[in-house]
Amino acid sequence: MLVNLKGPGLFIAAEVVKQGGSSDLTFVIMDIDGRNVTNISYIAAKNSGLTVQNPYGIVYLPAERLDNLTIGFPTPLRFEKELKLWVKVNEEGVVQILANVIHGR
């Protein structure tokens, strides 16, 4: 688990930065109040064309050494009990994963 916030609160945005990896089969998963908001791999975001700003709420920003998956919607998402953000690594060579969540009350 990268981030586990207890509610009530507002989800504004998140980023998950991955360093390394051989296939981009690392999944970013976020649940709010027990309901899945996103569950997508870096390669799926890339193959879906989520590499530019879009209204869907997920943007994949690849770089030479770091890959960044951002999550953010036009309006904040309210959570009453909890927000969970984690990754499932299904590839070799991932050196580091960092996560940030912007949230409020």
PDB file of N, CA and C in Angstrom:
ATOM      1  N   MET A   1       0.855  -1.169   0.000  1.00  0.00           N
ATOM      2  CA  MET A   1       0.000   0.000   0.000  1.00  0.00           C
ATOM      3  C   MET A   1       0.900   1.230   0.000  1.00  0.00           C
ATOM      4  N   LEU A   2       0.681   2.096  -0.978  1.00  0.00           N
ATOM      5  CA  LEU A   2       1.451   3.336  -1.042  1.00  0.00           C
ATOM      6  C   LEU A   2       0.818   4.430  -0.198  1.00  0.00           C
ATOM      7  N   VAL A   3      -0.510   4.576  -0.326  1.00  0.00           N
ATOM      8  CA  VAL A   3      -1.224   5.621   0.405  1.00  0.00           C
ATOM      9  C   VAL A   3      -2.520   5.020   0.933  1.00  0.00           C
ATOM     10  N   ASN A   4      -2.804   5.294   2.213  1.00  0.00           N
ATOM     11  CA  ASN A   4      -4.058   4.866   2.827  1.00  0.00           C
ATOM     12  C   ASN A   4      -4.582   6.025   3.666  1.00  0.00           C
ATOM     13  N   LEU A   5      -5.564   6.751   3.131  1.00  0.00           N
ATOM     14  CA  LEU A   5      -6.122   7.919   3.803  1.00  0.00           C
ATOM     15  C   LEU A   5      -7.458   7.568   4.440  1.00  0.00           C
ATOM     16  N   LYS A   6      -7.665   8.001   5.642  1.00  0.00           N
ATOM     17  CA  LYS A   6      -8.942   7.807   6.324  1.00  0.00           C
ATOM     18  C   LYS A   6      -9.799   9.044   6.098  1.00  0.00           C
ATOM     19  N   GLY A   7     -11.091   8.819   5.887  1.00  0.00           N
ATOM     20  CA  GLY A   7     -12.003   9.896   5.577  1.00  0.00           C
ATOM     21  C   GLY A   7     -12.677  10.464   6.793  1.00  0.00           C
ATOM     22  N   PRO A   8     -13.508  11.443   6.557  1.00  0.00           N
ATOM     23  CA  PRO A   8     -13.918  11.940   5.247  1.00  0.00           C
ATOM     24  C   PRO A   8     -12.858  12.858   4.636  1.00  0.00           C
ATOM     25  N   GLY A   9     -12.918  12.971   3.308  1.00  0.00           N
ATOM     26  CA  GLY A   9     -11.968  13.817   2.620  1.00  0.00           C
ATOM     27  C   GLY A   9     -12.316  13.979   1.156  1.00  0.00           C
ATOM     28  N   LEU A  10     -11.476  14.745   0.469  1.00  0.00           N
ATOM     29  CA  LEU A  10     -11.627  14.984  -0.963  1.00  0.00           C
ATOM     30  C   LEU A  10     -10.359  14.544  -1.672  1.00  0.00           C
ATOM     31  N   PHE A  11     -10.512  13.765  -2.726  1.00  0.00           N
ATOM     32  CA  PHE A  11      -9.391  13.402  -3.585  1.00  0.00           C
ATOM     33  C   PHE A  11      -9.301  14.448  -4.684  1.00  0.00           C
ATOM     34  N   ILE A  12      -8.123  15.071  -4.810  1.00  0.00           N
ATOM     35  CA  ILE A  12      -7.905  16.073  -5.852  1.00  0.00           C
ATOM     36  C   ILE A  12      -7.125  15.453  -7.011  1.00  0.00           C
ATOM     37  N   ALA A  13      -5.972  14.859  -6.716  1.00  0.00           N
ATOM     38  CA  ALA A  13      -5.134  14.277  -7.765  1.00  0.00           C
ATOM     39  C   ALA A  13      -4.088  13.363  -7.138  1.00  0.00           C
ATOM     40  N   ALA A  14      -3.469  12.539  -7.979  1.00  0.00           N
ATOM     41  CA  ALA A  14      -2.392  11.651  -7.532  1.00  0.00           C
ATOM     42  C   ALA A  14      -1.409  11.446  -8.663  1.00  0.00           C
ATOM     43  N   GLU A  15      -0.198  11.094  -8.268  1.00  0.00           N
ATOM     44  CA  GLU A  15       0.802  10.676  -9.243  1.00  0.00           C
ATOM     45  C   GLU A  15       1.537   9.480  -8.681  1.00  0.00           C
ATOM     46  N   VAL A  16       1.874   8.555  -9.571  1.00  0.00           N
ATOM     47  CA  VAL A  16       2.678   7.394  -9.200  1.00  0.00           C
ATOM     48  C   VAL A  16       3.823   7.328 -10.197  1.00  0.00           C
ATOM     49  N   VAL A  17       5.037   7.471  -9.685  1.00  0.00           N
ATOM     50  CA  VAL A  17       6.229   7.506 -10.516  1.00  0.00           C
ATOM     51  C   VAL A  17       6.972   6.184 -10.358  1.00  0.00           C
ATOM     52  N   LYS A  18       7.264   5.548 -11.494  1.00  0.00           N
ATOM     53  CA  LYS A  18       7.950   4.258 -11.517  1.00  0.00           C
ATOM     54  C   LYS A  18       9.312   4.433 -12.164  1.00  0.00           C
ATOM     55  N   GLN A  19      10.331   3.911 -11.502  1.00  0.00           N
ATOM     56  CA  GLN A  19      11.675   3.926 -12.070  1.00  0.00           C
ATOM     57  C   GLN A  19      12.061   2.495 -12.408  1.00  0.00           C
ATOM     58  N   GLY A  20      12.442   2.288 -13.666  1.00  0.00           N
ATOM     59  CA  GLY A  20      12.854   0.965 -14.120  1.00  0.00           C
ATOM     60  C   GLY A  20      11.672   0.140 -14.587  1.00  0.00           C
ATOM     61  N   GLY A  21      11.960  -1.112 -14.875  1.00  0.00           N
ATOM     62  CA  GLY A  21      10.924  -2.021 -15.358  1.00  0.00           C
ATOM     63  C   GLY A  21      11.175  -2.413 -16.793  1.00  0.00           C
ATOM     64  N   SER A  22      10.846  -3.663 -17.097  1.00  0.00           N
ATOM     65  CA  SER A  22      11.143  -4.194 -18.420  1.00  0.00           C
ATOM     66  C   SER A  22       9.951  -4.214 -19.364  1.00  0.00           C
ATOM     67  N   SER A  23       8.721  -4.162 -18.842  1.00  0.00           N
ATOM     68  CA  SER A  23       7.554  -4.314 -19.720  1.00  0.00           C
ATOM     69  C   SER A  23       6.415  -3.353 -19.422  1.00  0.00           C
ATOM     70  N   ASP A  24       6.530  -2.518 -18.407  1.00  0.00           N
ATOM     71  CA  ASP A  24       5.475  -1.578 -17.988  1.00  0.00           C
ATOM     72  C   ASP A  24       4.198  -2.286 -17.543  1.00  0.00           C
ATOM     73  N   LEU A  25       4.332  -3.529 -17.067  1.00  0.00           N
ATOM     74  CA  LEU A  25       3.180  -4.257 -16.539  1.00  0.00           C
ATOM     75  C   LEU A  25       3.029  -4.045 -15.036  1.00  0.00           C
ATOM     76  N   THR A  26       3.243  -2.827 -14.606  1.00  0.00           N
ATOM     77  CA  THR A  26       2.968  -2.435 -13.232  1.00  0.00           C
ATOM     78  C   THR A  26       1.628  -1.730 -13.227  1.00  0.00           C
ATOM     79  N   PHE A  27       0.740  -2.172 -12.353  1.00  0.00           N
ATOM     80  CA  PHE A  27      -0.622  -1.652 -12.283  1.00  0.00           C
ATOM     81  C   PHE A  27      -0.747  -0.638 -11.161  1.00  0.00           C
ATOM     82  N   VAL A  28      -1.428   0.460 -11.435  1.00  0.00           N
ATOM     83  CA  VAL A  28      -1.762   1.469 -10.441  1.00  0.00           C
ATOM     84  C   VAL A  28      -3.239   1.278 -10.107  1.00  0.00           C
ATOM     85  N   ILE A  29      -3.516   1.090  -8.820  1.00  0.00           N
ATOM     86  CA  ILE A  29      -4.870   0.767  -8.374  1.00  0.00           C
ATOM     87  C   ILE A  29      -5.291   1.773  -7.311  1.00  0.00           C
ATOM     88  N   MET A  30      -6.464   2.346  -7.489  1.00  0.00           N
ATOM     89  CA  MET A  30      -6.991   3.267  -6.487  1.00  0.00           C
ATOM     90  C   MET A  30      -8.447   2.927  -6.204  1.00  0.00           C
ATOM     91  N   ASP A  31      -8.762   2.785  -4.909  1.00  0.00           N
ATOM     92  CA  ASP A  31     -10.126   2.529  -4.457  1.00  0.00           C
ATOM     93  C   ASP A  31     -10.554   3.645  -3.520  1.00  0.00           C
ATOM     94  N   ILE A  32     -11.805   4.034  -3.643  1.00  0.00           N
ATOM     95  CA  ILE A  32     -12.400   5.005  -2.735  1.00  0.00           C
ATOM     96  C   ILE A  32     -13.628   4.360  -2.111  1.00  0.00           C
ATOM     97  N   ASP A  33     -13.624   4.305  -0.786  1.00  0.00           N
ATOM     98  CA  ASP A  33     -14.730   3.705  -0.028  1.00  0.00           C
ATOM     99  C   ASP A  33     -15.078   2.308  -0.539  1.00  0.00           C
ATOM    100  N   GLY A  34     -14.060   1.522  -0.835  1.00  0.00           N
ATOM    101  CA  GLY A  34     -14.257   0.144  -1.260  1.00  0.00           C
ATOM    102  C   GLY A  34     -14.634  -0.039  -2.719  1.00  0.00           C
ATOM    103  N   ARG A  35     -14.714   1.043  -3.470  1.00  0.00           N
ATOM    104  CA  ARG A  35     -15.048   0.964  -4.897  1.00  0.00           C
ATOM    105  C   ARG A  35     -13.830   1.320  -5.726  1.00  0.00           C
ATOM    106  N   ASN A  36     -13.601   0.530  -6.753  1.00  0.00           N
ATOM    107  CA  ASN A  36     -12.445   0.760  -7.605  1.00  0.00           C
ATOM    108  C   ASN A  36     -12.657   1.993  -8.479  1.00  0.00           C
ATOM    109  N   VAL A  37     -11.671   2.895  -8.449  1.00  0.00           N
ATOM    110  CA  VAL A  37     -11.696   4.087  -9.287  1.00  0.00           C
ATOM    111  C   VAL A  37     -10.824   3.867 -10.513  1.00  0.00           C
ATOM    112  N   THR A  38      -9.645   3.283 -10.313  1.00  0.00           N
ATOM    113  CA  THR A  38      -8.779   2.971 -11.440  1.00  0.00           C
ATOM    114  C   THR A  38      -7.943   1.738 -11.130  1.00  0.00           C
ATOM    115  N   ASN A  39      -7.681   0.986 -12.162  1.00  0.00           N
ATOM    116  CA  ASN A  39      -6.813  -0.187 -12.103  1.00  0.00           C
ATOM    117  C   ASN A  39      -6.238  -0.337 -13.509  1.00  0.00           C
ATOM    118  N   ILE A  40      -5.079   0.264 -13.739  1.00  0.00           N
ATOM    119  CA  ILE A  40      -4.520   0.302 -15.090  1.00  0.00           C
ATOM    120  C   ILE A  40      -3.005   0.170 -15.019  1.00  0.00           C
ATOM    121  N   SER A  41      -2.450  -0.530 -15.993  1.00  0.00           N
ATOM    122  CA  SER A  41      -0.999  -0.658 -16.068  1.00  0.00           C
ATOM    123  C   SER A  41      -0.425   0.500 -16.879  1.00  0.00           C
ATOM    124  N   TYR A  42       0.864   0.717 -16.713  1.00  0.00           N
ATOM    125  CA  TYR A  42       1.536   1.767 -17.481  1.00  0.00           C
ATOM    126  C   TYR A  42       1.428   1.483 -18.978  1.00  0.00           C
ATOM    127  N   ILE A  43       1.603   0.235 -19.381  1.00  0.00           N
ATOM    128  CA  ILE A  43       1.548  -0.108 -20.809  1.00  0.00           C
ATOM    129  C   ILE A  43       0.127   0.038 -21.351  1.00  0.00           C
ATOM    130  N   ALA A  44      -0.884  -0.287 -20.547  1.00  0.00           N
ATOM    131  CA  ALA A  44      -2.270  -0.123 -20.998  1.00  0.00           C
ATOM    132  C   ALA A  44      -2.606   1.353 -21.184  1.00  0.00           C
ATOM    133  N   ALA A  45      -2.124   2.191 -20.284  1.00  0.00           N
ATOM    134  CA  ALA A  45      -2.358   3.641 -20.436  1.00  0.00           C
ATOM    135  C   ALA A  45      -1.687   4.149 -21.703  1.00  0.00           C
ATOM    136  N   LYS A  46      -0.475   3.670 -21.959  1.00  0.00           N
ATOM    137  CA  LYS A  46       0.243   4.079 -23.176  1.00  0.00           C
ATOM    138  C   LYS A  46      -0.493   3.599 -24.421  1.00  0.00           C
ATOM    139  N   ASN A  47      -0.875   2.330 -24.442  1.00  0.00           N
ATOM    140  CA  ASN A  47      -1.540   1.762 -25.618  1.00  0.00           C
ATOM    141  C   ASN A  47      -2.933   2.336 -25.841  1.00  0.00           C
ATOM    142  N   SER A  48      -3.553   2.848 -24.798  1.00  0.00           N
ATOM    143  CA  SER A  48      -4.883   3.459 -24.914  1.00  0.00           C
ATOM    144  C   SER A  48      -4.822   4.900 -25.373  1.00  0.00           C
ATOM    145  N   GLY A  49      -3.628   5.441 -25.522  1.00  0.00           N
ATOM    146  CA  GLY A  49      -3.480   6.812 -25.978  1.00  0.00           C
ATOM    147  C   GLY A  49      -3.635   7.846 -24.879  1.00  0.00           C
ATOM    148  N   LEU A  50      -3.461   7.422 -23.635  1.00  0.00           N
ATOM    149  CA  LEU A  50      -3.609   8.354 -22.519  1.00  0.00           C
ATOM    150  C   LEU A  50      -2.293   9.079 -22.239  1.00  0.00           C
ATOM    151  N   THR A  51      -1.629   9.491 -23.302  1.00  0.00           N
ATOM    152  CA  THR A  51      -0.333  10.157 -23.181  1.00  0.00           C
ATOM    153  C   THR A  51      -0.433  11.673 -23.372  1.00  0.00           C
ATOM    154  N   VAL A  52      -1.631  12.169 -23.493  1.00  0.00           N
ATOM    155  CA  VAL A  52      -1.866  13.613 -23.597  1.00  0.00           C
ATOM    156  C   VAL A  52      -3.006  13.968 -22.646  1.00  0.00           C
ATOM    157  N   GLN A  53      -3.118  15.252 -22.326  1.00  0.00           N
ATOM    158  CA  GLN A  53      -4.204  15.705 -21.455  1.00  0.00           C
ATOM    159  C   GLN A  53      -5.533  15.264 -22.045  1.00  0.00           C
ATOM    160  N   ASN A  54      -6.421  14.737 -21.186  1.00  0.00           N
ATOM    161  CA  ASN A  54      -7.696  14.219 -21.667  1.00  0.00           C
ATOM    162  C   ASN A  54      -8.731  14.306 -20.545  1.00  0.00           C
ATOM    163  N   PRO A  55     -10.020  14.204 -20.880  1.00  0.00           N
ATOM    164  CA  PRO A  55     -11.056  14.294 -19.855  1.00  0.00           C
ATOM    165  C   PRO A  55     -11.261  13.002 -19.075  1.00  0.00           C
ATOM    166  N   TYR A  56     -10.549  11.938 -19.432  1.00  0.00           N
ATOM    167  CA  TYR A  56     -10.740  10.645 -18.786  1.00  0.00           C
ATOM    168  C   TYR A  56     -10.240  10.629 -17.345  1.00  0.00           C
ATOM    169  N   GLY A  57      -9.219  11.418 -17.042  1.00  0.00           N
ATOM    170  CA  GLY A  57      -8.731  11.502 -15.670  1.00  0.00           C
ATOM    171  C   GLY A  57      -7.403  10.822 -15.422  1.00  0.00           C
ATOM    172  N   ILE A  58      -6.863  10.128 -16.421  1.00  0.00           N
ATOM    173  CA  ILE A  58      -5.575   9.444 -16.277  1.00  0.00           C
ATOM    174  C   ILE A  58      -4.669   9.871 -17.426  1.00  0.00           C
ATOM    175  N   VAL A  59      -3.444  10.261 -17.072  1.00  0.00           N
ATOM    176  CA  VAL A  59      -2.463  10.631 -18.091  1.00  0.00           C
ATOM    177  C   VAL A  59      -1.162   9.906 -17.784  1.00  0.00           C
ATOM    178  N   TYR A  60      -0.597   9.272 -18.803  1.00  0.00           N
ATOM    179  CA  TYR A  60       0.686   8.581 -18.700  1.00  0.00           C
ATOM    180  C   TYR A  60       1.760   9.462 -19.317  1.00  0.00           C
ATOM    181  N   LEU A  61       2.772   9.783 -18.520  1.00  0.00           N
ATOM    182  CA  LEU A  61       3.854  10.654 -18.978  1.00  0.00           C
ATOM    183  C   LEU A  61       5.162   9.872 -18.937  1.00  0.00           C
ATOM    184  N   PRO A  62       5.573   9.302 -20.086  1.00  0.00           N
ATOM    185  CA  PRO A  62       6.821   8.538 -20.097  1.00  0.00           C
ATOM    186  C   PRO A  62       8.026   9.464 -20.190  1.00  0.00           C
ATOM    187  N   ALA A  63       9.117   9.015 -19.630  1.00  0.00           N
ATOM    188  CA  ALA A  63      10.380   9.733 -19.737  1.00  0.00           C
ATOM    189  C   ALA A  63      11.488   8.697 -19.899  1.00  0.00           C
ATOM    190  N   GLU A  64      12.699   9.176 -20.053  1.00  0.00           N
ATOM    191  CA  GLU A  64      13.806   8.256 -20.305  1.00  0.00           C
ATOM    192  C   GLU A  64      14.026   7.281 -19.152  1.00  0.00           C
ATOM    193  N   ARG A  65      13.965   7.769 -17.921  1.00  0.00           N
ATOM    194  CA  ARG A  65      14.235   6.903 -16.771  1.00  0.00           C
ATOM    195  C   ARG A  65      13.058   6.734 -15.824  1.00  0.00           C
ATOM    196  N   LEU A  66      12.096   7.631 -15.900  1.00  0.00           N
ATOM    197  CA  LEU A  66      10.951   7.587 -15.003  1.00  0.00           C
ATOM    198  C   LEU A  66       9.665   7.599 -15.817  1.00  0.00           C
ATOM    199  N   ASP A  67       8.678   6.853 -15.352  1.00  0.00           N
ATOM    200  CA  ASP A  67       7.352   6.867 -15.952  1.00  0.00           C
ATOM    201  C   ASP A  67       6.379   7.362 -14.903  1.00  0.00           C
ATOM    202  N   ASN A  68       5.528   8.316 -15.282  1.00  0.00           N
ATOM    203  CA  ASN A  68       4.612   8.940 -14.347  1.00  0.00           C
ATOM    204  C   ASN A  68       3.182   8.688 -14.810  1.00  0.00           C
ATOM    205  N   LEU A  69       2.374   8.161 -13.909  1.00  0.00           N
ATOM    206  CA  LEU A  69       0.953   7.978 -14.169  1.00  0.00           C
ATOM    207  C   LEU A  69       0.214   8.928 -13.231  1.00  0.00           C
ATOM    208  N   THR A  70      -0.552   9.864 -13.797  1.00  0.00           N
ATOM    209  CA  THR A  70      -1.284  10.821 -12.978  1.00  0.00           C
ATOM    210  C   THR A  70      -2.780  10.528 -13.044  1.00  0.00           C
ATOM    211  N   ILE A  71      -3.447  10.809 -11.945  1.00  0.00           N
ATOM    212  CA  ILE A  71      -4.887  10.609 -11.839  1.00  0.00           C
ATOM    213  C   ILE A  71      -5.474  11.911 -11.317  1.00  0.00           C
ATOM    214  N   GLY A  72      -6.463  12.444 -12.021  1.00  0.00           N
ATOM    215  CA  GLY A  72      -7.121  13.669 -11.577  1.00  0.00           C
ATOM    216  C   GLY A  72      -8.341  13.930 -12.433  1.00  0.00           C
ATOM    217  N   PHE A  73      -9.396  14.370 -11.829  1.00  0.00           N
ATOM    218  CA  PHE A  73     -10.655  14.579 -12.529  1.00  0.00           C
ATOM    219  C   PHE A  73     -11.053  16.053 -12.458  1.00  0.00           C
ATOM    220  N   PRO A  74     -11.975  16.498 -13.317  1.00  0.00           N
ATOM    221  CA  PRO A  74     -12.357  17.918 -13.317  1.00  0.00           C
ATOM    222  C   PRO A  74     -12.904  18.397 -11.978  1.00  0.00           C
ATOM    223  N   THR A  75     -13.527  17.515 -11.222  1.00  0.00           N
ATOM    224  CA  THR A  75     -14.038  17.878  -9.898  1.00  0.00           C
ATOM    225  C   THR A  75     -13.479  16.900  -8.870  1.00  0.00           C
ATOM    226  N   PRO A  76     -13.288  17.334  -7.638  1.00  0.00           N
ATOM    227  CA  PRO A  76     -12.779  16.432  -6.599  1.00  0.00           C
ATOM    228  C   PRO A  76     -13.745  15.278  -6.346  1.00  0.00           C
ATOM    229  N   LEU A  77     -13.188  14.150  -5.916  1.00  0.00           N
ATOM    230  CA  LEU A  77     -13.989  12.990  -5.541  1.00  0.00           C
ATOM    231  C   LEU A  77     -14.035  12.907  -4.021  1.00  0.00           C
ATOM    232  N   ARG A  78     -15.219  12.822  -3.478  1.00  0.00           N
ATOM    233  CA  ARG A  78     -15.391  12.761  -2.026  1.00  0.00           C
ATOM    234  C   ARG A  78     -15.279  11.314  -1.554  1.00  0.00           C
ATOM    235  N   PHE A  79     -14.563  11.115  -0.460  1.00  0.00           N
ATOM    236  CA  PHE A  79     -14.555   9.800   0.181  1.00  0.00           C
ATOM    237  C   PHE A  79     -14.963   9.956   1.639  1.00  0.00           C
ATOM    238  N   GLU A  80     -15.768   9.018   2.092  1.00  0.00           N
ATOM    239  CA  GLU A  80     -16.283   9.065   3.462  1.00  0.00           C
ATOM    240  C   GLU A  80     -15.417   8.257   4.418  1.00  0.00           C
ATOM    241  N   LYS A  81     -14.988   7.056   3.984  1.00  0.00           N
ATOM    242  CA  LYS A  81     -14.260   6.162   4.884  1.00  0.00           C
ATOM    243  C   LYS A  81     -12.772   6.107   4.591  1.00  0.00           C
ATOM    244  N   GLU A  82     -12.399   5.808   3.334  1.00  0.00           N
ATOM    245  CA  GLU A  82     -10.966   5.700   3.052  1.00  0.00           C
ATOM    246  C   GLU A  82     -10.666   5.749   1.560  1.00  0.00           C
ATOM    247  N   LEU A  83      -9.446   6.141   1.285  1.00  0.00           N
ATOM    248  CA  LEU A  83      -8.889   6.125  -0.065  1.00  0.00           C
ATOM    249  C   LEU A  83      -7.622   5.288  -0.008  1.00  0.00           C
ATOM    250  N   LYS A  84      -7.518   4.310  -0.895  1.00  0.00           N
ATOM    251  CA  LYS A  84      -6.339   3.450  -0.949  1.00  0.00           C
ATOM    252  C   LYS A  84      -5.704   3.557  -2.332  1.00  0.00           C
ATOM    253  N   LEU A  85      -4.397   3.724  -2.352  1.00  0.00           N
ATOM    254  CA  LEU A  85      -3.635   3.765  -3.600  1.00  0.00           C
ATOM    255  C   LEU A  85      -2.474   2.803  -3.463  1.00  0.00           C
ATOM    256  N   TRP A  86      -2.347   1.874  -4.402  1.00  0.00           N
ATOM    257  CA  TRP A  86      -1.238   0.930  -4.370  1.00  0.00           C
ATOM    258  C   TRP A  86      -0.879   0.487  -5.765  1.00  0.00           C
ATOM    259  N   VAL A  87       0.214  -0.242  -5.877  1.00  0.00           N
ATOM    260  CA  VAL A  87       0.651  -0.777  -7.155  1.00  0.00           C
ATOM    261  C   VAL A  87       0.830  -2.283  -7.047  1.00  0.00           C
ATOM    262  N   LYS A  88       0.686  -2.931  -8.181  1.00  0.00           N
ATOM    263  CA  LYS A  88       0.973  -4.358  -8.309  1.00  0.00           C
ATOM    264  C   LYS A  88       2.029  -4.481  -9.404  1.00  0.00           C
ATOM    265  N   VAL A  89       3.227  -4.902  -9.014  1.00  0.00           N
ATOM    266  CA  VAL A  89       4.353  -4.978  -9.944  1.00  0.00           C
ATOM    267  C   VAL A  89       4.388  -6.370 -10.562  1.00  0.00           C
ATOM    268  N   ASN A  90       4.204  -6.436 -11.886  1.00  0.00           N
ATOM    269  CA  ASN A  90       4.239  -7.692 -12.638  1.00  0.00           C
ATOM    270  C   ASN A  90       5.360  -7.672 -13.667  1.00  0.00           C
ATOM    271  N   GLU A  91       6.482  -7.082 -13.312  1.00  0.00           N
ATOM    272  CA  GLU A  91       7.608  -6.986 -14.242  1.00  0.00           C
ATOM    273  C   GLU A  91       8.905  -6.950 -13.445  1.00  0.00           C
ATOM    274  N   GLU A  92       9.984  -7.276 -14.122  1.00  0.00           N
ATOM    275  CA  GLU A  92      11.297  -7.241 -13.487  1.00  0.00           C
ATOM    276  C   GLU A  92      11.943  -5.883 -13.699  1.00  0.00           C
ATOM    277  N   GLY A  93      12.842  -5.528 -12.792  1.00  0.00           N
ATOM    278  CA  GLY A  93      13.655  -4.346 -12.969  1.00  0.00           C
ATOM    279  C   GLY A  93      13.095  -3.057 -12.408  1.00  0.00           C
ATOM    280  N   VAL A  94      11.967  -3.112 -11.691  1.00  0.00           N
ATOM    281  CA  VAL A  94      11.444  -1.890 -11.075  1.00  0.00           C
ATOM    282  C   VAL A  94      12.315  -1.585  -9.860  1.00  0.00           C
ATOM    283  N   VAL A  95      12.932  -0.416  -9.880  1.00  0.00           N
ATOM    284  CA  VAL A  95      13.877  -0.021  -8.838  1.00  0.00           C
ATOM    285  C   VAL A  95      13.178   0.739  -7.716  1.00  0.00           C
ATOM    286  N   GLN A  96      12.207   1.580  -8.093  1.00  0.00           N
ATOM    287  CA  GLN A  96      11.598   2.463  -7.110  1.00  0.00           C
ATOM    288  C   GLN A  96      10.219   2.907  -7.579  1.00  0.00           C
ATOM    289  N   ILE A  97       9.323   3.074  -6.628  1.00  0.00           N
ATOM    290  CA  ILE A  97       8.003   3.628  -6.912  1.00  0.00           C
ATOM    291  C   ILE A  97       7.714   4.690  -5.860  1.00  0.00           C
ATOM    292  N   LEU A  98       7.319   5.870  -6.327  1.00  0.00           N
ATOM    293  CA  LEU A  98       6.974   6.974  -5.447  1.00  0.00           C
ATOM    294  C   LEU A  98       5.541   7.417  -5.746  1.00  0.00           C
ATOM    295  N   ALA A  99       4.798   7.789  -4.709  1.00  0.00           N
ATOM    296  CA  ALA A  99       3.424   8.226  -4.913  1.00  0.00           C
ATOM    297  C   ALA A  99       3.144   9.480  -4.117  1.00  0.00           C
ATOM    298  N   ASN A 100       2.333  10.342  -4.687  1.00  0.00           N
ATOM    299  CA  ASN A 100       1.845  11.547  -4.024  1.00  0.00           C
ATOM    300  C   ASN A 100       0.354  11.660  -4.273  1.00  0.00           C
ATOM    301  N   VAL A 101      -0.388  12.023  -3.236  1.00  0.00           N
ATOM    302  CA  VAL A 101      -1.824  12.265  -3.367  1.00  0.00           C
ATOM    303  C   VAL A 101      -2.108  13.660  -2.830  1.00  0.00           C
ATOM    304  N   ILE A 102      -2.801  14.433  -3.624  1.00  0.00           N
ATOM    305  CA  ILE A 102      -3.252  15.741  -3.189  1.00  0.00           C
ATOM    306  C   ILE A 102      -4.699  15.558  -2.715  1.00  0.00           C
ATOM    307  N   HIS A 103      -4.945  15.927  -1.477  1.00  0.00           N
ATOM    308  CA  HIS A 103      -6.267  15.698  -0.908  1.00  0.00           C
ATOM    309  C   HIS A 103      -6.624  16.818   0.048  1.00  0.00           C
ATOM    310  N   GLY A 104      -7.881  16.880   0.423  1.00  0.00           N
ATOM    311  CA  GLY A 104      -8.339  17.890   1.359  1.00  0.00           C
ATOM    312  C   GLY A 104      -9.472  17.340   2.197  1.00  0.00           C
ATOM    313  N   ARG A 105     -10.077  18.199   2.972  1.00  0.00           N
ATOM    314  CA  ARG A 105     -11.194  17.796   3.831  1.00  0.00           C
ATOM    315  C   ARG A 105     -12.481  18.423   3.385  1.00  0.00           C
TER     316      ARG A 105
END
